[in-house]
Amino acid sequence: RLCSACKTLKKAAPTGAARAPAAAPVAVAKKPSKKFAYDVFLSHKQATGGDAVAILQKEFASKNLRCWFDRTTRHINVDAMLEGVRDSAVFLLFLSKGVFSSQYVMLELQEAIENGKPIILVHDPDEGANGCSLSELINADRPQFADDLFSRYTSHPFRRKEYELKALVTELVQCIRELSG
């Protein structure tokens, strides 16, 4: 069963608008019509989101999802990252402290937006683990191309407790599979 965010993304008009709170609709993007090398590109700020994204990558891999993840790819440079975004069906942006100040994450996000990728947001609300409140993220300075990020997409809270993580991963895997065709 898809979450409301991914249901709206799956309905897929080429463009659209919505807002961040879970009760609101979210932006729509075209469902990918071609085969991609990766099901999902995992974008994150290494210093504050790397540990959590490594957990997601491991969980996704165990569910047979093909992930572009900087720790598991052979070539780490700007061209390889941007190619990874283009070669992925879905773009997952992991939101943690300082994510909008990361030059690389912003390059990846801009590439995803320019290529019309379905975007899934996951935020880390655990301030003790380099996360921050969704409110802090919404109010953070970010490049103009990302100004409407929270009005277009709903964010899934990351969870570390095993049973909560399992539920989150199940929901995200379902969304990624539906969005990647």
N, C-alpha and C. Protein backbone atom coordinates (compact mmCIF):
# COMPACT_ATOMS: atom_id res chain seq x y z
N ARG A 1 0.84 -1.18 0.00
CA ARG A 1 0.00 0.00 0.00
C ARG A 1 0.88 1.23 0.00
N LEU A 2 0.60 2.16 -0.89
CA LEU A 2 1.41 3.37 -1.01
C LEU A 2 0.98 4.43 -0.01
N CYS A 3 1.94 5.21 0.43
CA CYS A 3 1.62 6.35 1.28
C CYS A 3 0.95 7.41 0.40
N SER A 4 0.34 8.40 1.00
CA SER A 4 -0.36 9.42 0.22
C SER A 4 0.59 10.17 -0.69
N ALA A 5 1.83 10.38 -0.25
CA ALA A 5 2.81 11.09 -1.08
C ALA A 5 3.09 10.32 -2.36
N CYS A 6 3.33 9.04 -2.24
CA CYS A 6 3.69 8.24 -3.40
C CYS A 6 2.48 7.94 -4.27
N LYS A 7 1.28 7.86 -3.68
CA LYS A 7 0.07 7.69 -4.49
C LYS A 7 -0.08 8.88 -5.42
N THR A 8 0.14 10.07 -4.89
CA THR A 8 0.01 11.27 -5.71
C THR A 8 1.10 11.31 -6.77
N LEU A 9 2.33 10.95 -6.41
CA LEU A 9 3.40 10.91 -7.39
C LEU A 9 3.08 9.92 -8.50
N LYS A 10 2.49 8.78 -8.15
CA LYS A 10 2.20 7.74 -9.13
C LYS A 10 1.15 8.19 -10.13
N LYS A 11 0.20 9.02 -9.69
CA LYS A 11 -0.84 9.49 -10.59
C LYS A 11 -0.24 10.27 -11.74
N ALA A 12 0.85 10.92 -11.50
CA ALA A 12 1.77 11.42 -12.48
C ALA A 12 1.25 12.28 -13.61
N ALA A 13 1.02 13.50 -13.31
CA ALA A 13 0.92 14.49 -14.37
C ALA A 13 2.34 15.01 -14.55
N PRO A 14 2.67 15.58 -15.70
CA PRO A 14 4.05 16.02 -15.91
C PRO A 14 4.53 17.05 -14.90
N THR A 15 3.67 17.93 -14.45
CA THR A 15 4.08 18.91 -13.45
C THR A 15 2.92 19.09 -12.49
N GLY A 16 3.19 19.78 -11.38
CA GLY A 16 2.12 20.01 -10.44
C GLY A 16 2.63 20.69 -9.20
N ALA A 17 1.74 20.95 -8.27
CA ALA A 17 2.15 21.60 -7.05
C ALA A 17 1.42 20.97 -5.88
N ALA A 18 1.98 21.13 -4.73
CA ALA A 18 1.39 20.63 -3.50
C ALA A 18 2.19 21.16 -2.33
N ARG A 19 2.04 20.54 -1.14
CA ARG A 19 2.77 21.05 0.01
C ARG A 19 3.28 19.93 0.90
N ALA A 20 4.12 20.31 1.88
CA ALA A 20 4.84 19.33 2.68
C ALA A 20 4.01 18.54 3.69
N PRO A 21 3.09 19.13 4.46
CA PRO A 21 2.42 18.34 5.47
C PRO A 21 1.74 17.10 4.88
N ALA A 22 1.72 16.03 5.65
CA ALA A 22 1.25 14.75 5.15
C ALA A 22 -0.19 14.79 4.65
N ALA A 23 -1.02 15.66 5.21
CA ALA A 23 -2.41 15.71 4.81
C ALA A 23 -2.59 16.36 3.45
N ALA A 24 -1.57 17.03 2.96
CA ALA A 24 -1.67 17.76 1.71
C ALA A 24 -1.24 16.90 0.54
N PRO A 25 -1.72 17.25 -0.65
CA PRO A 25 -1.21 16.53 -1.83
C PRO A 25 0.24 16.89 -2.06
N VAL A 26 0.89 16.14 -2.89
CA VAL A 26 2.29 16.41 -3.19
C VAL A 26 2.47 16.58 -4.68
N ALA A 27 3.63 17.10 -5.08
CA ALA A 27 3.90 17.32 -6.49
C ALA A 27 3.90 16.01 -7.25
N VAL A 28 3.57 16.11 -8.47
CA VAL A 28 3.55 14.92 -9.31
C VAL A 28 4.69 14.98 -10.31
N ALA A 29 5.15 13.84 -10.71
CA ALA A 29 6.20 13.74 -11.71
C ALA A 29 5.86 12.57 -12.61
N LYS A 30 6.36 12.61 -13.82
CA LYS A 30 6.10 11.51 -14.73
C LYS A 30 6.69 10.22 -14.21
N LYS A 31 5.93 9.15 -14.33
CA LYS A 31 6.47 7.83 -14.02
C LYS A 31 7.50 7.51 -15.10
N PRO A 32 8.67 7.04 -14.72
CA PRO A 32 9.70 6.78 -15.72
C PRO A 32 9.21 5.78 -16.77
N SER A 33 9.53 6.08 -18.03
CA SER A 33 9.08 5.21 -19.12
C SER A 33 10.22 4.40 -19.71
N LYS A 34 11.43 4.60 -19.25
CA LYS A 34 12.56 3.83 -19.77
C LYS A 34 13.21 3.04 -18.65
N LYS A 35 14.03 2.10 -19.03
CA LYS A 35 14.76 1.32 -18.04
C LYS A 35 15.96 2.13 -17.55
N PHE A 36 16.20 2.06 -16.27
CA PHE A 36 17.30 2.78 -15.66
C PHE A 36 18.29 1.80 -15.05
N ALA A 37 19.52 2.22 -14.91
CA ALA A 37 20.54 1.39 -14.28
C ALA A 37 20.25 1.22 -12.79
N TYR A 38 19.61 2.22 -12.18
CA TYR A 38 19.34 2.21 -10.75
C TYR A 38 17.86 2.51 -10.51
N ASP A 39 17.33 1.89 -9.48
CA ASP A 39 15.96 2.19 -9.07
C ASP A 39 15.90 3.52 -8.33
N VAL A 40 16.93 3.79 -7.53
CA VAL A 40 16.91 4.99 -6.70
C VAL A 40 18.32 5.55 -6.51
N PHE A 41 18.40 6.87 -6.56
CA PHE A 41 19.63 7.60 -6.26
C PHE A 41 19.49 8.09 -4.83
N LEU A 42 20.47 7.80 -3.99
CA LEU A 42 20.43 8.20 -2.57
C LEU A 42 21.31 9.42 -2.37
N SER A 43 20.68 10.57 -2.24
CA SER A 43 21.39 11.84 -2.08
C SER A 43 21.38 12.24 -0.61
N HIS A 44 22.53 12.64 -0.10
CA HIS A 44 22.63 12.99 1.31
C HIS A 44 23.90 13.79 1.57
N LYS A 45 23.92 14.50 2.68
CA LYS A 45 25.14 15.16 3.13
C LYS A 45 25.89 14.13 3.97
N GLN A 46 27.07 13.78 3.52
CA GLN A 46 27.84 12.69 4.13
C GLN A 46 28.03 12.87 5.64
N ALA A 47 28.42 14.07 6.06
CA ALA A 47 28.76 14.30 7.47
C ALA A 47 27.57 14.13 8.41
N THR A 48 26.37 14.44 7.94
CA THR A 48 25.22 14.39 8.85
C THR A 48 24.17 13.35 8.47
N GLY A 49 24.24 12.80 7.29
CA GLY A 49 23.25 11.81 6.88
C GLY A 49 23.81 10.49 6.41
N GLY A 50 25.13 10.41 6.33
CA GLY A 50 25.76 9.21 5.78
C GLY A 50 25.42 7.93 6.50
N ASP A 51 25.39 7.97 7.84
CA ASP A 51 25.10 6.74 8.60
C ASP A 51 23.67 6.26 8.35
N ALA A 52 22.73 7.16 8.36
CA ALA A 52 21.33 6.78 8.16
C ALA A 52 21.09 6.29 6.73
N VAL A 53 21.71 6.94 5.76
CA VAL A 53 21.53 6.53 4.37
C VAL A 53 22.19 5.18 4.13
N ALA A 54 23.28 4.90 4.82
CA ALA A 54 23.91 3.57 4.71
C ALA A 54 22.94 2.49 5.20
N ILE A 55 22.19 2.79 6.23
CA ILE A 55 21.18 1.85 6.73
C ILE A 55 20.10 1.64 5.68
N LEU A 56 19.62 2.74 5.09
CA LEU A 56 18.60 2.63 4.05
C LEU A 56 19.12 1.84 2.85
N GLN A 57 20.35 2.11 2.44
CA GLN A 57 20.92 1.42 1.29
C GLN A 57 20.99 -0.08 1.54
N LYS A 58 21.43 -0.45 2.73
CA LYS A 58 21.52 -1.87 3.08
C LYS A 58 20.13 -2.52 3.06
N GLU A 59 19.16 -1.84 3.61
CA GLU A 59 17.78 -2.35 3.62
C GLU A 59 17.22 -2.45 2.21
N PHE A 60 17.45 -1.43 1.40
CA PHE A 60 16.96 -1.44 0.02
C PHE A 60 17.61 -2.57 -0.77
N ALA A 61 18.92 -2.74 -0.60
CA ALA A 61 19.63 -3.82 -1.31
C ALA A 61 19.07 -5.19 -0.93
N SER A 62 18.71 -5.35 0.34
CA SER A 62 18.15 -6.64 0.77
C SER A 62 16.78 -6.89 0.15
N LYS A 63 16.16 -5.84 -0.36
CA LYS A 63 14.86 -5.94 -1.04
C LYS A 63 15.05 -5.91 -2.57
N ASN A 64 16.30 -6.10 -3.00
CA ASN A 64 16.64 -6.15 -4.43
C ASN A 64 16.41 -4.85 -5.18
N LEU A 65 16.54 -3.74 -4.49
CA LEU A 65 16.52 -2.44 -5.17
C LEU A 65 17.95 -2.08 -5.56
N ARG A 66 18.09 -1.56 -6.75
CA ARG A 66 19.40 -1.11 -7.23
C ARG A 66 19.56 0.36 -6.85
N CYS A 67 20.55 0.62 -5.99
CA CYS A 67 20.75 1.96 -5.45
C CYS A 67 22.05 2.57 -5.96
N TRP A 68 21.99 3.85 -6.34
CA TRP A 68 23.22 4.59 -6.55
C TRP A 68 23.53 5.22 -5.21
N PHE A 69 24.65 4.83 -4.64
CA PHE A 69 25.05 5.30 -3.30
C PHE A 69 26.55 5.54 -3.36
N ASP A 70 26.97 6.70 -2.93
CA ASP A 70 28.38 7.08 -3.09
C ASP A 70 29.36 6.11 -2.44
N ARG A 71 28.94 5.46 -1.38
CA ARG A 71 29.86 4.52 -0.71
C ARG A 71 30.02 3.20 -1.46
N THR A 72 29.13 2.93 -2.40
CA THR A 72 29.21 1.64 -3.10
C THR A 72 29.52 1.79 -4.58
N THR A 73 29.72 2.99 -5.05
CA THR A 73 30.03 3.18 -6.45
C THR A 73 31.54 3.28 -6.64
N ARG A 74 31.99 2.90 -7.81
CA ARG A 74 33.44 2.90 -8.07
C ARG A 74 33.99 4.29 -8.33
N HIS A 75 33.24 5.12 -9.02
CA HIS A 75 33.75 6.44 -9.41
C HIS A 75 32.98 7.52 -8.66
N ILE A 76 33.73 8.26 -7.86
CA ILE A 76 33.12 9.37 -7.12
C ILE A 76 33.71 10.67 -7.66
N ASN A 77 32.97 11.31 -8.51
CA ASN A 77 33.30 12.66 -8.97
C ASN A 77 31.99 13.29 -9.42
N VAL A 78 32.02 14.55 -9.74
CA VAL A 78 30.79 15.27 -10.08
C VAL A 78 30.10 14.64 -11.28
N ASP A 79 30.86 14.33 -12.32
CA ASP A 79 30.24 13.75 -13.52
C ASP A 79 29.57 12.42 -13.20
N ALA A 80 30.22 11.59 -12.40
CA ALA A 80 29.64 10.29 -12.04
C ALA A 80 28.37 10.46 -11.21
N MET A 81 28.38 11.43 -10.30
CA MET A 81 27.18 11.68 -9.48
C MET A 81 26.01 12.13 -10.36
N LEU A 82 26.27 13.07 -11.26
CA LEU A 82 25.19 13.57 -12.11
C LEU A 82 24.69 12.49 -13.07
N GLU A 83 25.60 11.68 -13.56
CA GLU A 83 25.20 10.55 -14.40
C GLU A 83 24.35 9.56 -13.59
N GLY A 84 24.73 9.36 -12.32
CA GLY A 84 23.95 8.50 -11.44
C GLY A 84 22.54 9.01 -11.25
N VAL A 85 22.39 10.31 -11.12
CA VAL A 85 21.04 10.89 -11.00
C VAL A 85 20.24 10.60 -12.28
N ARG A 86 20.84 10.85 -13.43
CA ARG A 86 20.15 10.62 -14.71
C ARG A 86 19.83 9.15 -14.93
N ASP A 87 20.71 8.25 -14.42
CA ASP A 87 20.54 6.81 -14.61
C ASP A 87 19.67 6.16 -13.54
N SER A 88 19.03 6.97 -12.70
CA SER A 88 18.16 6.46 -11.64
C SER A 88 16.71 6.83 -11.92
N ALA A 89 15.81 5.91 -11.65
CA ALA A 89 14.39 6.16 -11.88
C ALA A 89 13.81 7.14 -10.87
N VAL A 90 14.28 7.07 -9.63
CA VAL A 90 13.73 7.88 -8.54
C VAL A 90 14.89 8.53 -7.79
N PHE A 91 14.66 9.72 -7.28
CA PHE A 91 15.66 10.47 -6.51
C PHE A 91 15.17 10.57 -5.07
N LEU A 92 15.95 10.02 -4.14
CA LEU A 92 15.62 10.13 -2.71
C LEU A 92 16.59 11.12 -2.09
N LEU A 93 16.05 12.18 -1.52
CA LEU A 93 16.86 13.20 -0.85
C LEU A 93 16.72 13.01 0.65
N PHE A 94 17.84 12.70 1.30
CA PHE A 94 17.85 12.54 2.75
C PHE A 94 18.19 13.89 3.37
N LEU A 95 17.27 14.40 4.18
CA LEU A 95 17.40 15.73 4.77
C LEU A 95 17.94 15.63 6.19
N SER A 96 19.10 16.23 6.40
CA SER A 96 19.73 16.26 7.72
C SER A 96 20.35 17.64 7.90
N LYS A 97 20.93 17.86 9.05
CA LYS A 97 21.52 19.15 9.38
C LYS A 97 22.51 19.59 8.30
N GLY A 98 22.32 20.79 7.77
CA GLY A 98 23.24 21.38 6.81
C GLY A 98 23.14 20.85 5.39
N VAL A 99 22.11 20.06 5.10
CA VAL A 99 22.02 19.45 3.76
C VAL A 99 21.96 20.51 2.66
N PHE A 100 21.31 21.63 2.92
CA PHE A 100 21.18 22.65 1.87
C PHE A 100 22.46 23.45 1.66
N SER A 101 23.44 23.27 2.53
CA SER A 101 24.73 23.94 2.33
C SER A 101 25.73 23.04 1.60
N SER A 102 25.32 21.82 1.28
CA SER A 102 26.20 20.90 0.57
C SER A 102 26.15 21.17 -0.93
N GLN A 103 27.27 21.59 -1.48
CA GLN A 103 27.36 21.87 -2.91
C GLN A 103 26.98 20.65 -3.74
N TYR A 104 27.46 19.48 -3.33
CA TYR A 104 27.21 18.27 -4.10
C TYR A 104 25.75 17.84 -4.04
N VAL A 105 25.15 17.90 -2.87
CA VAL A 105 23.74 17.54 -2.75
C VAL A 105 22.89 18.48 -3.58
N MET A 106 23.22 19.77 -3.58
CA MET A 106 22.44 20.73 -4.36
C MET A 106 22.62 20.50 -5.86
N LEU A 107 23.81 20.11 -6.29
CA LEU A 107 24.02 19.76 -7.70
C LEU A 107 23.16 18.55 -8.08
N GLU A 108 23.14 17.55 -7.21
CA GLU A 108 22.34 16.35 -7.47
C GLU A 108 20.85 16.68 -7.53
N LEU A 109 20.40 17.48 -6.58
CA LEU A 109 18.98 17.85 -6.53
C LEU A 109 18.59 18.65 -7.77
N GLN A 110 19.43 19.58 -8.16
CA GLN A 110 19.13 20.37 -9.35
C GLN A 110 19.05 19.47 -10.59
N GLU A 111 19.95 18.52 -10.69
CA GLU A 111 19.93 17.58 -11.82
C GLU A 111 18.64 16.76 -11.81
N ALA A 112 18.22 16.32 -10.63
CA ALA A 112 16.97 15.55 -10.52
C ALA A 112 15.77 16.38 -10.96
N ILE A 113 15.72 17.62 -10.50
CA ILE A 113 14.61 18.51 -10.87
C ILE A 113 14.62 18.77 -12.37
N GLU A 114 15.78 19.09 -12.92
CA GLU A 114 15.89 19.38 -14.35
C GLU A 114 15.53 18.18 -15.21
N ASN A 115 15.73 16.97 -14.69
CA ASN A 115 15.42 15.76 -15.44
C ASN A 115 14.05 15.17 -15.09
N GLY A 116 13.26 15.90 -14.32
CA GLY A 116 11.90 15.48 -14.01
C GLY A 116 11.80 14.20 -13.20
N LYS A 117 12.78 13.94 -12.35
CA LYS A 117 12.77 12.72 -11.54
C LYS A 117 11.70 12.79 -10.46
N PRO A 118 11.01 11.69 -10.20
CA PRO A 118 10.16 11.64 -9.00
C PRO A 118 11.09 11.79 -7.78
N ILE A 119 10.70 12.62 -6.84
CA ILE A 119 11.55 12.89 -5.68
C ILE A 119 10.84 12.41 -4.42
N ILE A 120 11.58 11.67 -3.61
CA ILE A 120 11.10 11.24 -2.30
C ILE A 120 11.99 11.91 -1.26
N LEU A 121 11.37 12.56 -0.30
CA LEU A 121 12.11 13.20 0.78
C LEU A 121 12.02 12.34 2.04
N VAL A 122 13.16 12.22 2.73
CA VAL A 122 13.21 11.57 4.03
C VAL A 122 14.00 12.50 4.93
N HIS A 123 13.45 12.85 6.07
CA HIS A 123 14.17 13.74 6.99
C HIS A 123 14.48 13.01 8.29
N ASP A 124 15.56 13.43 8.90
CA ASP A 124 15.99 12.84 10.18
C ASP A 124 15.62 13.80 11.30
N PRO A 125 14.56 13.50 12.06
CA PRO A 125 14.14 14.41 13.13
C PRO A 125 14.97 14.28 14.41
N ASP A 126 15.91 13.33 14.46
CA ASP A 126 16.70 13.08 15.66
C ASP A 126 17.88 14.05 15.73
N GLU A 127 17.69 15.15 16.47
CA GLU A 127 18.72 16.17 16.55
C GLU A 127 20.00 15.65 17.21
N GLY A 128 19.89 14.62 18.01
CA GLY A 128 21.06 14.04 18.63
C GLY A 128 21.90 13.21 17.66
N ALA A 129 21.35 12.93 16.49
CA ALA A 129 22.06 12.13 15.48
C ALA A 129 22.25 12.94 14.20
N ASN A 130 22.50 14.24 14.34
CA ASN A 130 22.72 15.15 13.22
C ASN A 130 21.48 15.45 12.40
N GLY A 131 20.34 15.13 12.94
CA GLY A 131 19.10 15.48 12.27
C GLY A 131 18.66 16.85 12.71
N CYS A 132 17.50 17.26 12.27
CA CYS A 132 16.92 18.52 12.70
C CYS A 132 15.42 18.47 12.43
N SER A 133 14.71 19.36 13.04
CA SER A 133 13.26 19.34 12.89
C SER A 133 12.87 19.66 11.45
N LEU A 134 11.72 19.16 11.05
CA LEU A 134 11.22 19.46 9.72
C LEU A 134 11.01 20.96 9.57
N SER A 135 10.58 21.60 10.64
CA SER A 135 10.39 23.05 10.61
C SER A 135 11.71 23.77 10.32
N GLU A 136 12.78 23.32 10.95
CA GLU A 136 14.10 23.92 10.70
C GLU A 136 14.51 23.74 9.24
N LEU A 137 14.24 22.57 8.69
CA LEU A 137 14.56 22.31 7.27
C LEU A 137 13.72 23.18 6.35
N ILE A 138 12.43 23.29 6.64
CA ILE A 138 11.54 24.11 5.82
C ILE A 138 11.99 25.56 5.81
N ASN A 139 12.48 26.05 6.95
CA ASN A 139 12.88 27.44 7.06
C ASN A 139 14.34 27.71 6.69
N ALA A 140 15.08 26.67 6.35
CA ALA A 140 16.50 26.83 6.01
C ALA A 140 16.68 27.55 4.67
N ASP A 141 17.77 28.29 4.57
CA ASP A 141 18.12 28.90 3.29
C ASP A 141 18.49 27.79 2.32
N ARG A 142 18.02 27.93 1.08
CA ARG A 142 18.35 26.96 0.04
C ARG A 142 18.32 27.67 -1.31
N PRO A 143 18.93 27.07 -2.29
CA PRO A 143 18.95 27.69 -3.62
C PRO A 143 17.54 27.90 -4.17
N GLN A 144 17.41 28.86 -5.05
CA GLN A 144 16.11 29.20 -5.60
C GLN A 144 15.42 28.01 -6.26
N PHE A 145 16.18 27.16 -6.95
CA PHE A 145 15.55 26.02 -7.62
C PHE A 145 14.90 25.05 -6.64
N ALA A 146 15.29 25.14 -5.35
CA ALA A 146 14.73 24.25 -4.33
C ALA A 146 13.76 24.97 -3.39
N ASP A 147 13.42 26.21 -3.72
CA ASP A 147 12.54 26.98 -2.84
C ASP A 147 11.21 26.30 -2.57
N ASP A 148 10.64 25.65 -3.55
CA ASP A 148 9.32 25.06 -3.38
C ASP A 148 9.37 23.57 -3.02
N LEU A 149 10.51 23.09 -2.63
CA LEU A 149 10.69 21.67 -2.33
C LEU A 149 9.64 21.17 -1.32
N PHE A 150 9.44 21.92 -0.25
CA PHE A 150 8.52 21.47 0.80
C PHE A 150 7.07 21.78 0.49
N SER A 151 6.83 22.62 -0.48
CA SER A 151 5.44 22.83 -0.89
C SER A 151 5.04 21.83 -1.96
N ARG A 152 6.03 21.15 -2.55
CA ARG A 152 5.76 20.16 -3.60
C ARG A 152 5.80 18.72 -3.12
N TYR A 153 6.55 18.43 -2.05
CA TYR A 153 6.78 17.05 -1.64
C TYR A 153 6.57 16.87 -0.14
N THR A 154 6.05 15.72 0.23
CA THR A 154 5.90 15.33 1.62
C THR A 154 7.17 14.60 2.04
N SER A 155 7.61 14.80 3.27
CA SER A 155 8.82 14.14 3.76
C SER A 155 8.45 13.02 4.73
N HIS A 156 9.14 11.89 4.58
CA HIS A 156 8.97 10.75 5.48
C HIS A 156 10.00 10.89 6.61
N PRO A 157 9.59 10.79 7.87
CA PRO A 157 10.57 10.84 8.96
C PRO A 157 11.38 9.54 9.04
N PHE A 158 12.70 9.67 9.14
CA PHE A 158 13.57 8.51 9.31
C PHE A 158 13.44 8.01 10.74
N ARG A 159 13.47 6.71 10.92
CA ARG A 159 13.35 6.10 12.24
C ARG A 159 14.48 5.11 12.47
N ARG A 160 14.99 5.10 13.69
CA ARG A 160 16.09 4.19 14.03
C ARG A 160 15.64 2.95 14.80
N LYS A 161 14.51 3.02 15.50
CA LYS A 161 14.02 1.83 16.20
C LYS A 161 13.68 0.78 15.16
N GLU A 162 14.08 -0.46 15.44
CA GLU A 162 13.99 -1.52 14.44
C GLU A 162 12.59 -1.66 13.83
N TYR A 163 11.56 -1.71 14.67
CA TYR A 163 10.21 -1.90 14.14
C TYR A 163 9.74 -0.70 13.33
N GLU A 164 10.14 0.51 13.74
CA GLU A 164 9.77 1.71 12.99
C GLU A 164 10.55 1.79 11.67
N LEU A 165 11.82 1.41 11.72
CA LEU A 165 12.64 1.40 10.52
C LEU A 165 12.08 0.41 9.51
N LYS A 166 11.67 -0.75 9.98
CA LYS A 166 11.11 -1.77 9.09
C LYS A 166 9.87 -1.22 8.38
N ALA A 167 9.01 -0.53 9.10
CA ALA A 167 7.80 0.04 8.50
C ALA A 167 8.17 1.12 7.48
N LEU A 168 9.12 1.96 7.82
CA LEU A 168 9.56 3.01 6.90
C LEU A 168 10.13 2.40 5.62
N VAL A 169 11.01 1.42 5.77
CA VAL A 169 11.64 0.79 4.61
C VAL A 169 10.57 0.13 3.73
N THR A 170 9.63 -0.55 4.33
CA THR A 170 8.55 -1.18 3.56
C THR A 170 7.81 -0.13 2.74
N GLU A 171 7.48 0.99 3.37
CA GLU A 171 6.77 2.06 2.68
C GLU A 171 7.62 2.66 1.55
N LEU A 172 8.90 2.93 1.83
CA LEU A 172 9.76 3.53 0.82
C LEU A 172 10.02 2.58 -0.35
N VAL A 173 10.23 1.31 -0.06
CA VAL A 173 10.46 0.32 -1.13
C VAL A 173 9.23 0.26 -2.03
N GLN A 174 8.06 0.23 -1.44
CA GLN A 174 6.82 0.20 -2.22
C GLN A 174 6.73 1.45 -3.12
N CYS A 175 7.03 2.61 -2.55
CA CYS A 175 6.99 3.85 -3.33
C CYS A 175 8.00 3.82 -4.47
N ILE A 176 9.23 3.42 -4.17
CA ILE A 176 10.27 3.38 -5.19
C ILE A 176 9.90 2.41 -6.31
N ARG A 177 9.39 1.25 -5.95
CA ARG A 177 9.00 0.27 -6.97
C ARG A 177 7.87 0.78 -7.85
N GLU A 178 6.89 1.40 -7.23
CA GLU A 178 5.77 1.94 -7.99
C GLU A 178 6.23 3.08 -8.91
N LEU A 179 7.08 3.94 -8.39
CA LEU A 179 7.53 5.09 -9.17
C LEU A 179 8.54 4.71 -10.26
N SER A 180 9.26 3.63 -10.05
CA SER A 180 10.29 3.25 -11.03
C SER A 180 9.75 2.32 -12.10
N GLY A 181 8.51 1.90 -11.96
CA GLY A 181 7.87 1.07 -12.99
C GLY A 181 8.27 -0.33 -12.88
